[in-house]
Protein backbone atom coordinates (compact mmCIF):
# COMPACT_ATOMS: atom_id res chain seq x y z
CA MET A 1 16.97 11.60 1.87
CA HIS A 2 15.28 8.69 0.78
CA VAL A 3 12.38 8.66 -1.06
CA ALA A 4 9.70 5.68 -2.11
CA ILE A 5 6.70 6.51 -4.49
CA MET A 6 3.63 4.44 -4.76
CA GLN A 7 0.41 4.04 -6.06
CA PRO A 8 -2.80 3.78 -3.16
CA TYR A 9 -3.72 0.24 -2.64
CA PHE A 10 -6.70 -0.71 -0.01
CA LEU A 11 -5.24 -2.70 2.43
CA PRO A 12 -2.02 -3.90 0.56
CA TYR A 13 0.29 -6.79 1.18
CA ILE A 14 3.03 -5.93 4.19
CA GLY A 15 5.89 -5.03 1.14
CA TYR A 16 4.00 -1.87 0.55
CA PHE A 17 4.82 -0.85 3.88
CA GLN A 18 8.30 -2.46 3.95
CA LEU A 19 8.85 0.09 1.15
CA ILE A 20 6.89 2.77 3.25
CA ALA A 21 9.20 1.97 6.28
CA SER A 22 12.22 2.18 4.45
CA ALA A 23 12.22 5.98 3.63
CA ASP A 24 12.02 9.24 4.66
CA LEU A 25 9.24 10.38 2.83
CA PHE A 26 6.78 8.46 0.79
CA VAL A 27 4.98 10.04 -2.05
CA LEU A 28 1.48 8.50 -2.46
CA TYR A 29 -0.10 9.06 -5.82
CA ASP A 30 -3.11 10.67 -6.35
CA ASN A 31 -2.85 12.25 -9.78
CA ILE A 32 -2.29 8.88 -11.75
CA LYS A 33 -4.65 7.41 -13.58
CA TYR A 34 -6.95 4.67 -11.93
CA THR A 35 -5.78 0.83 -13.24
CA LYS A 36 -9.03 -1.28 -13.99
CA LYS A 37 -7.43 -4.75 -13.72
CA GLY A 38 -4.87 -3.74 -10.68
CA TRP A 39 -4.72 -3.62 -7.08
CA ILE A 40 -5.91 -0.20 -5.93
CA ASN A 41 -9.43 -1.09 -4.84
CA ARG A 42 -9.38 -4.76 -4.03
CA ASN A 43 -7.03 -6.74 -2.23
CA ARG A 44 -7.13 -10.63 -0.76
CA PHE A 45 -7.88 -11.88 2.74
CA LEU A 46 -8.06 -15.39 3.84
CA ARG A 47 -10.64 -17.92 4.38
CA ASP A 48 -11.18 -21.36 4.47
CA GLY A 49 -7.94 -21.82 3.86
CA ALA A 50 -8.13 -19.98 0.31
CA ASP A 51 -7.15 -16.54 -0.93
CA ILE A 52 -10.45 -14.58 -1.61
CA THR A 53 -10.50 -10.89 -3.40
CA PHE A 54 -12.56 -8.12 -1.35
CA THR A 55 -13.51 -5.23 -3.64
CA LEU A 56 -14.31 -1.45 -2.97
CA PRO A 57 -16.97 -1.23 -5.41
CA LEU A 58 -16.55 2.07 -7.52
CA LYS A 59 -19.04 4.26 -9.45
CA ALA A 60 -19.31 3.99 -12.72
CA ASP A 61 -17.43 6.18 -14.46
CA SER A 62 -14.05 6.54 -17.83
CA ASP A 63 -11.52 3.87 -16.59
CA HIS A 64 -9.38 7.23 -18.22
CA LEU A 65 -9.79 9.42 -14.71
CA ASP A 66 -7.09 9.78 -12.46
CA VAL A 67 -7.48 8.02 -8.92
CA VAL A 68 -8.14 11.72 -7.00
CA ARG A 69 -11.68 11.68 -8.77
CA ARG A 70 -13.10 8.11 -8.77
CA GLU A 71 -15.61 7.73 -6.39
CA ILE A 72 -16.84 3.99 -4.00
CA ALA A 73 -20.31 3.30 -5.40
CA LEU A 74 -22.76 4.32 -2.97
CA SER A 75 -23.93 1.06 -3.00
CA PHE A 76 -20.63 -0.55 -1.24
CA ASN A 77 -22.07 -1.98 2.24
CA ARG A 78 -19.30 -1.52 4.60
CA GLU A 79 -21.07 -3.71 7.39
CA ARG A 80 -20.95 -7.07 4.48
CA LEU A 81 -17.28 -6.25 4.32
CA LEU A 82 -16.98 -6.25 8.09
CA GLN A 83 -18.50 -9.20 8.39
CA GLN A 84 -16.55 -10.95 5.71
CA PHE A 85 -13.88 -10.40 7.45
CA ARG A 86 -15.15 -11.58 11.33
CA GLY A 87 -16.01 -14.63 9.31
CA ALA A 88 -12.93 -15.14 8.03
CA TYR A 89 -10.71 -13.95 11.04
CA LEU A 90 -12.81 -14.50 14.12
CA ARG A 91 -10.77 -17.40 15.57
CA ALA A 92 -7.16 -15.60 14.46
CA PRO A 93 -5.08 -15.69 17.97
CA HIS A 94 -5.44 -10.98 18.21
CA PHE A 95 -8.57 -10.51 16.29
CA ASP A 96 -9.43 -8.96 19.82
CA GLU A 97 -6.10 -6.61 18.61
CA THR A 98 -7.18 -6.06 15.00
CA PHE A 99 -10.45 -6.10 14.24
CA PRO A 100 -11.75 -2.39 15.85
CA LEU A 101 -8.73 -1.00 13.66
CA VAL A 102 -10.40 -2.64 10.63
CA GLU A 103 -13.44 -0.84 11.59
CA ARG A 104 -12.32 2.06 12.15
CA ILE A 105 -10.86 1.86 8.09
CA VAL A 106 -13.94 0.30 6.84
CA CYS A 107 -16.67 2.61 8.05
CA TYR A 108 -14.94 5.89 7.52
CA GLU A 109 -17.08 7.89 6.20
CA ASP A 110 -15.59 9.21 2.49
CA ASN A 111 -17.07 8.03 -0.52
CA GLY A 112 -14.01 9.36 -2.65
CA LEU A 113 -11.41 6.57 -3.79
CA PHE A 114 -8.16 8.31 -2.94
CA GLY A 115 -9.18 9.73 0.46
CA TYR A 116 -10.78 6.63 1.67
CA ILE A 117 -7.45 4.30 0.54
CA CYS A 118 -5.09 7.16 1.95
CA HIS A 119 -6.61 7.42 5.58
CA SER A 120 -6.54 3.29 5.53
CA ILE A 121 -2.77 3.98 4.52
CA ARG A 122 -2.17 6.63 7.29
CA SER A 123 -4.27 4.77 9.96
CA LEU A 124 -2.00 1.46 9.80
CA CYS A 125 1.20 3.02 9.25
CA GLU A 126 0.53 4.87 12.74
CA HIS A 127 -0.61 1.32 13.90
CA LEU A 128 2.52 0.00 13.05
CA SER A 129 4.30 2.42 14.08
CA ILE A 130 5.46 3.73 11.18
CA GLY A 131 7.03 7.21 11.19
CA THR A 132 7.44 8.14 7.60
CA ALA A 133 6.11 11.39 6.58
CA ILE A 134 3.68 10.94 3.41
CA ARG A 135 2.86 13.40 1.24
CA ILE A 136 0.84 13.46 -1.58
CA SER A 137 1.51 14.02 -5.03
CA SER A 138 -0.69 16.81 -6.73
CA ALA A 139 0.83 18.89 -3.56
CA LEU A 140 3.99 18.75 -5.17
CA ASP A 141 5.67 21.18 -7.02
CA VAL A 142 6.60 19.56 -10.26
CA ASP A 143 5.55 19.24 -14.11
CA HIS A 144 2.68 16.87 -13.45
CA GLY A 145 2.22 16.40 -17.06
CA LEU A 146 5.43 14.44 -17.10
CA ARG A 147 4.62 10.37 -17.53
CA ALA A 148 7.12 7.06 -16.13
CA GLN A 149 10.52 7.64 -14.89
CA GLU A 150 10.59 11.34 -15.52
CA ARG A 151 7.76 12.26 -13.72
CA VAL A 152 9.56 10.29 -10.53
CA LEU A 153 12.63 12.30 -11.63
CA ALA A 154 10.54 15.39 -11.00
CA ILE A 155 9.69 14.41 -8.08
CA CYS A 156 12.86 13.00 -6.27
CA ALA A 157 14.49 16.57 -7.59
CA ALA A 158 11.68 18.77 -5.45
CA LEU A 159 12.00 16.70 -2.59
CA GLY A 160 16.04 16.69 -2.46
CA ALA A 161 16.41 12.91 -2.31
CA SER A 162 19.55 11.15 -2.43
CA THR A 163 18.22 8.01 -3.21
CA TYR A 164 14.84 6.03 -4.89
CA ILE A 165 13.09 3.20 -3.12
CA ASN A 166 11.48 1.28 -5.50
CA PRO A 167 9.93 -2.32 -5.53
CA PRO A 168 11.87 -4.91 -7.89
CA GLY A 169 9.33 -4.95 -10.46
CA GLY A 170 10.58 -1.57 -11.44
CA MET A 171 13.88 -2.90 -12.38
CA GLY A 172 12.71 -2.57 -16.42
CA LEU A 173 11.40 0.63 -15.79
CA TYR A 174 14.02 2.91 -14.72
CA ASP A 175 17.69 3.95 -15.71
CA PRO A 176 20.29 3.77 -12.92
CA ALA A 177 22.78 5.86 -15.20
CA ALA A 178 19.34 8.65 -15.67
CA PHE A 179 19.43 8.63 -11.30
CA ALA A 180 22.75 9.38 -11.01
CA ARG A 181 23.36 12.27 -13.78
CA HIS A 182 20.37 13.73 -11.82
CA GLY A 183 22.38 12.91 -8.23
CA THR A 184 20.12 10.36 -7.33
CA GLU A 185 20.94 6.80 -6.22
CA LEU A 186 18.31 4.26 -7.27
CA ARG A 187 17.63 1.31 -5.17
CA PHE A 188 15.20 -1.79 -5.39
CA LEU A 189 13.60 -3.66 -1.70
CA GLN A 190 12.97 -6.86 -2.47
CA PRO A 191 9.89 -7.69 -0.07
CA SER A 192 10.32 -10.08 2.72
CA ILE A 193 7.61 -12.48 3.40
CA GLU A 194 8.35 -14.60 6.19
CA PRO A 195 5.67 -17.80 6.32
CA TYR A 196 3.29 -17.95 9.73
CA GLU A 197 1.01 -20.08 11.10
CA GLN A 198 -2.52 -19.95 9.54
CA PHE A 199 -4.74 -22.16 11.06
CA GLY A 200 -2.59 -24.86 10.48
CA GLN A 201 -3.26 -24.89 6.88
CA PRO A 202 -0.69 -24.20 4.61
CA PHE A 203 0.79 -20.92 4.27
CA VAL A 204 -0.68 -18.37 1.88
CA ALA A 205 1.76 -16.03 1.40
CA ALA A 206 1.15 -12.28 0.15
CA LEU A 207 -2.54 -11.51 1.64
CA SER A 208 -3.61 -8.50 2.84
CA ILE A 209 -1.42 -6.89 5.88
CA VAL A 210 -4.79 -7.51 8.21
CA ASP A 211 -4.04 -10.85 7.33
CA VAL A 212 -0.65 -10.47 8.62
CA LEU A 213 -1.90 -8.55 11.51
CA MET A 214 -4.85 -11.03 12.29
CA PHE A 215 -2.52 -13.94 12.82
CA ASN A 216 0.82 -12.38 14.39
CA GLY A 217 -0.43 -9.15 16.58
CA ARG A 218 0.70 -5.61 15.98
CA ASP A 219 4.03 -5.64 17.76
CA ARG A 220 5.36 -8.74 15.63
CA THR A 221 3.47 -7.25 12.61
CA SER A 222 5.51 -3.54 13.53
CA ALA A 223 9.24 -5.70 13.52
CA LEU A 224 8.38 -7.63 10.16
CA VAL A 225 7.64 -4.48 8.57
CA LEU A 226 10.14 -2.32 10.04
CA ASP A 227 13.22 -5.25 9.78
CA GLY A 228 12.14 -6.86 6.55
CA GLY A 229 13.20 -5.91 3.06
CA ARG A 230 16.57 -6.35 1.32
CA HIS A 231 18.06 -3.99 -1.27
CA VAL A 232 18.89 -6.11 -4.40
CA PRO A 233 21.52 -4.59 -7.18
CA CYS A 234 20.20 -2.09 -9.90
């Protein structure tokens, strides 16, 4: 069984979904520290030919809390975020098909950061016909005090993983020999980001999956996800 593990990200780029699609089982970390300057609660969309960051505002709290214990700020204006997407993509060729999905995701009534993002990831996987099973890390029978590679190895062992798949950024973090000793092959998946038309402007890569859907539609985006990515040597 092929397993992938990642932090939750809000409306992430296409490579995130290519990783999910490459695995038989995808583990979504909920009991992992929130990263203040990371991409857990923010991403980018296209507006007037430039990439613009959008953010889920969070309730003020300790930056040392796990993601599952962080909450979205009560001041979060869902309608305002929707209007930002509407203004950016109203003229996109697949706006009418994509906007209802974005609306369901943004308007989801859960102020828990993890629950809100988890719902968005599951909704997008369903929309893109990604059949990978999704498990939540805290529900697994492992020692949750482990960190880094040891934690990943424990999760792989608990799930009976034959292969662990990670983005290339993990090449400096994981030791193939250590995985081999535990009976798990370590692979890295290089995302595939094909340029596409964006209002006739120079292509801006690695934006939110919303951008891909707005310009390519559900079927083409699903094909880009399911057929995308290539394994690179460890």
